[in-house]
Protein backbone atom coordinates (compact mmCIF):
# COMPACT_ATOMS: atom_id res chain seq x y z
CA MET A 1 -41.17 15.57 -46.35
CA PRO A 2 -41.23 12.49 -48.96
CA HIS A 3 -39.22 9.49 -47.50
CA ILE A 4 -37.48 7.25 -50.10
CA LEU A 5 -36.03 3.88 -49.14
CA LEU A 6 -33.46 2.41 -51.40
CA VAL A 7 -32.73 -1.20 -50.91
CA GLU A 8 -29.24 -1.77 -52.58
CA ASP A 9 -26.50 -4.01 -51.49
CA ASP A 10 -23.63 -2.29 -53.83
CA GLU A 11 -22.08 0.48 -51.97
CA ASP A 12 -21.02 2.29 -55.21
CA ASP A 13 -24.74 2.15 -56.54
CA VAL A 14 -25.95 3.69 -53.12
CA TYR A 15 -23.53 6.40 -53.19
CA LEU A 16 -24.27 7.36 -56.78
CA PHE A 17 -27.82 7.61 -56.07
CA LYS A 18 -27.52 9.56 -53.20
CA LYS A 19 -25.10 11.81 -54.97
CA ALA A 20 -27.71 12.31 -58.25
CA PHE A 21 -30.58 12.80 -55.41
CA ALA A 22 -28.61 15.70 -54.11
CA THR A 23 -27.99 17.38 -57.25
CA LEU A 24 -31.95 17.47 -57.56
CA LYS A 25 -31.86 19.86 -54.47
CA GLN A 26 -35.28 18.05 -53.36
CA ASN A 27 -36.41 18.18 -49.58
CA CYS A 28 -36.66 14.61 -48.97
CA GLN A 29 -35.43 11.78 -46.64
CA ILE A 30 -33.32 9.18 -48.32
CA SER A 31 -32.92 5.66 -46.38
CA ASP A 32 -30.81 2.74 -47.62
CA LEU A 33 -31.00 -0.83 -46.51
CA SER A 34 -28.41 -3.50 -47.76
CA ASP A 35 -30.08 -6.61 -48.25
CA GLY A 36 -33.75 -8.18 -48.66
CA CYS A 37 -33.69 -9.73 -45.26
CA THR A 38 -33.19 -6.34 -43.86
CA PHE A 39 -35.79 -4.75 -45.87
CA VAL A 40 -38.24 -7.44 -44.51
CA GLU A 41 -37.45 -6.69 -41.18
CA TYR A 42 -37.74 -2.79 -41.57
CA GLY A 43 -41.32 -3.84 -42.99
CA LEU A 44 -41.87 -5.48 -39.75
CA LYS A 45 -40.92 -2.59 -37.62
CA CYS A 46 -43.11 -0.57 -39.99
CA GLN A 47 -45.83 -2.39 -39.11
CA LYS A 48 -45.67 -1.49 -35.62
CA ASN A 49 -44.36 2.01 -36.11
CA PRO A 50 -46.25 3.19 -39.40
CA GLU A 51 -44.43 6.92 -39.20
CA LEU A 52 -41.40 4.55 -40.50
CA LEU A 53 -42.96 3.64 -43.76
CA PRO A 54 -41.45 5.22 -46.77
CA ASP A 55 -43.54 6.76 -49.47
CA ILE A 56 -41.79 4.97 -52.06
CA ILE A 57 -39.29 2.00 -52.04
CA LEU A 58 -36.69 1.37 -54.79
CA LEU A 59 -35.77 -2.09 -54.75
CA ASP A 60 -32.67 -3.95 -56.27
CA LEU A 61 -33.06 -7.57 -57.43
CA ASN A 62 -29.73 -9.11 -56.95
CA MET A 63 -28.74 -9.01 -53.30
CA PRO A 64 -27.23 -11.28 -50.71
CA LYS A 65 -29.29 -13.26 -48.03
CA LEU A 66 -32.63 -12.59 -49.63
CA ASP A 67 -32.86 -11.32 -53.21
CA GLY A 68 -35.28 -8.58 -54.45
CA ARG A 69 -37.80 -11.23 -55.86
CA GLN A 70 -38.15 -12.83 -52.65
CA ALA A 71 -38.01 -9.66 -50.72
CA LEU A 72 -40.94 -8.26 -52.69
CA GLU A 73 -43.24 -11.25 -52.26
CA LYS A 74 -42.44 -11.31 -48.31
CA ILE A 75 -42.88 -7.56 -48.16
CA ARG A 76 -46.32 -7.36 -50.06
CA THR A 77 -47.80 -9.81 -47.39
CA LEU A 78 -47.65 -7.22 -44.99
CA ALA A 79 -50.94 -5.19 -44.78
CA LEU A 80 -49.00 -1.70 -44.86
CA PHE A 81 -47.17 -2.48 -47.70
CA GLN A 82 -49.96 -3.60 -49.94
CA THR A 83 -50.35 -0.27 -51.51
CA THR A 84 -46.86 1.32 -51.01
CA PRO A 85 -45.09 1.85 -54.46
CA ILE A 86 -42.23 -0.59 -55.11
CA ILE A 87 -39.99 0.39 -57.87
CA ILE A 88 -37.93 -2.36 -59.09
CA TYR A 89 -34.20 -0.79 -59.73
CA THR A 90 -32.19 -3.13 -61.12
CA THR A 91 -29.54 -4.19 -63.93
CA SER A 92 -31.73 -6.92 -64.98
CA GLU A 93 -33.48 -6.65 -68.27
CA SER A 94 -34.76 -9.88 -68.14
CA PRO A 95 -38.34 -10.15 -69.52
CA ASP A 96 -39.01 -13.02 -67.02
CA ASP A 97 -37.90 -10.57 -63.89
CA ILE A 98 -39.97 -7.84 -65.31
CA GLU A 99 -43.04 -10.50 -65.86
CA LEU A 100 -42.38 -11.73 -62.27
CA CYS A 101 -41.93 -8.48 -60.37
CA TYR A 102 -45.23 -7.12 -61.80
CA ALA A 103 -47.04 -10.25 -60.72
CA LEU A 104 -45.71 -9.80 -57.32
CA GLY A 105 -46.89 -6.07 -57.18
CA ALA A 106 -44.23 -3.92 -58.09
CA ALA A 107 -45.39 -0.36 -59.32
CA SER A 108 -42.50 -0.10 -61.94
CA PHE A 109 -39.27 -1.91 -63.39
CA ILE A 110 -36.35 0.47 -64.01
CA THR A 111 -33.20 -0.60 -65.41
CA LYS A 112 -30.28 1.06 -63.68
CA PRO A 113 -28.56 3.67 -66.14
CA TYR A 114 -24.84 3.52 -66.89
CA ALA A 115 -24.51 7.31 -67.09
CA PHE A 116 -24.76 9.62 -64.13
CA GLU A 117 -26.71 12.14 -65.92
CA LYS A 118 -29.15 9.47 -66.90
CA LEU A 119 -29.57 8.46 -63.22
CA VAL A 120 -30.32 12.25 -62.44
CA SER A 121 -32.87 12.19 -65.27
CA ILE A 122 -34.56 9.02 -63.79
CA LEU A 123 -34.85 10.46 -60.31
CA THR A 124 -36.22 13.84 -61.88
CA LYS A 125 -38.71 11.72 -63.41
CA ILE A 126 -39.77 9.37 -60.15
CA MET A 127 -39.99 12.37 -58.05
CA ASP A 128 -42.34 14.14 -60.47
CA TYR A 129 -44.48 11.37 -61.27
CA TRP A 130 -44.73 9.89 -57.56
CA PHE A 131 -44.99 13.10 -55.77
CA ASN A 132 -46.39 15.65 -58.28
CA VAL A 133 -48.64 13.49 -60.51
CA VAL A 134 -50.18 10.55 -58.67
CA ASN A 135 -51.97 10.70 -55.40
CA LEU A 136 -50.06 8.18 -52.99
CA PRO A 137 -52.01 6.31 -50.00
CA ALA A 138 -51.97 7.82 -46.84
CA LYS A 139 -49.69 6.04 -44.16
CA ARG A 140 -52.15 3.92 -42.22
CA ILE A 141 -51.90 2.96 -38.47
CA THR A 142 -52.56 -0.66 -37.90
CA LEU A 143 -53.51 -1.64 -34.30
């Protein structure tokens, strides 16, 4: 069963994401974390327990404690996360953010939609692309 991790501090956005995902009727595990520090801590847990590693990560940029840009940079230093697809999922449309995130190793950059139907459409495309089109790396066990 695919595992998607949403790193998002806005509870309303998490609710809408989960509600939109439920309409897809996909057999998937959805986890969420509320800030960049918790995300990096989770990454360290995954290093010790690789079965916790999500298949893809959706990462918000504007979060407390450690923002998404900083969290992306830190998580990419962990061996297990060097090939894990990280999709930036944010309200930002800044060309500087887009450029920086790709330079830091983001696999995609998606601006959050304002309409629920558009969110469902985006999630449909994400699921199709990442789980039906591309081949994802196998979860690796590091000792």
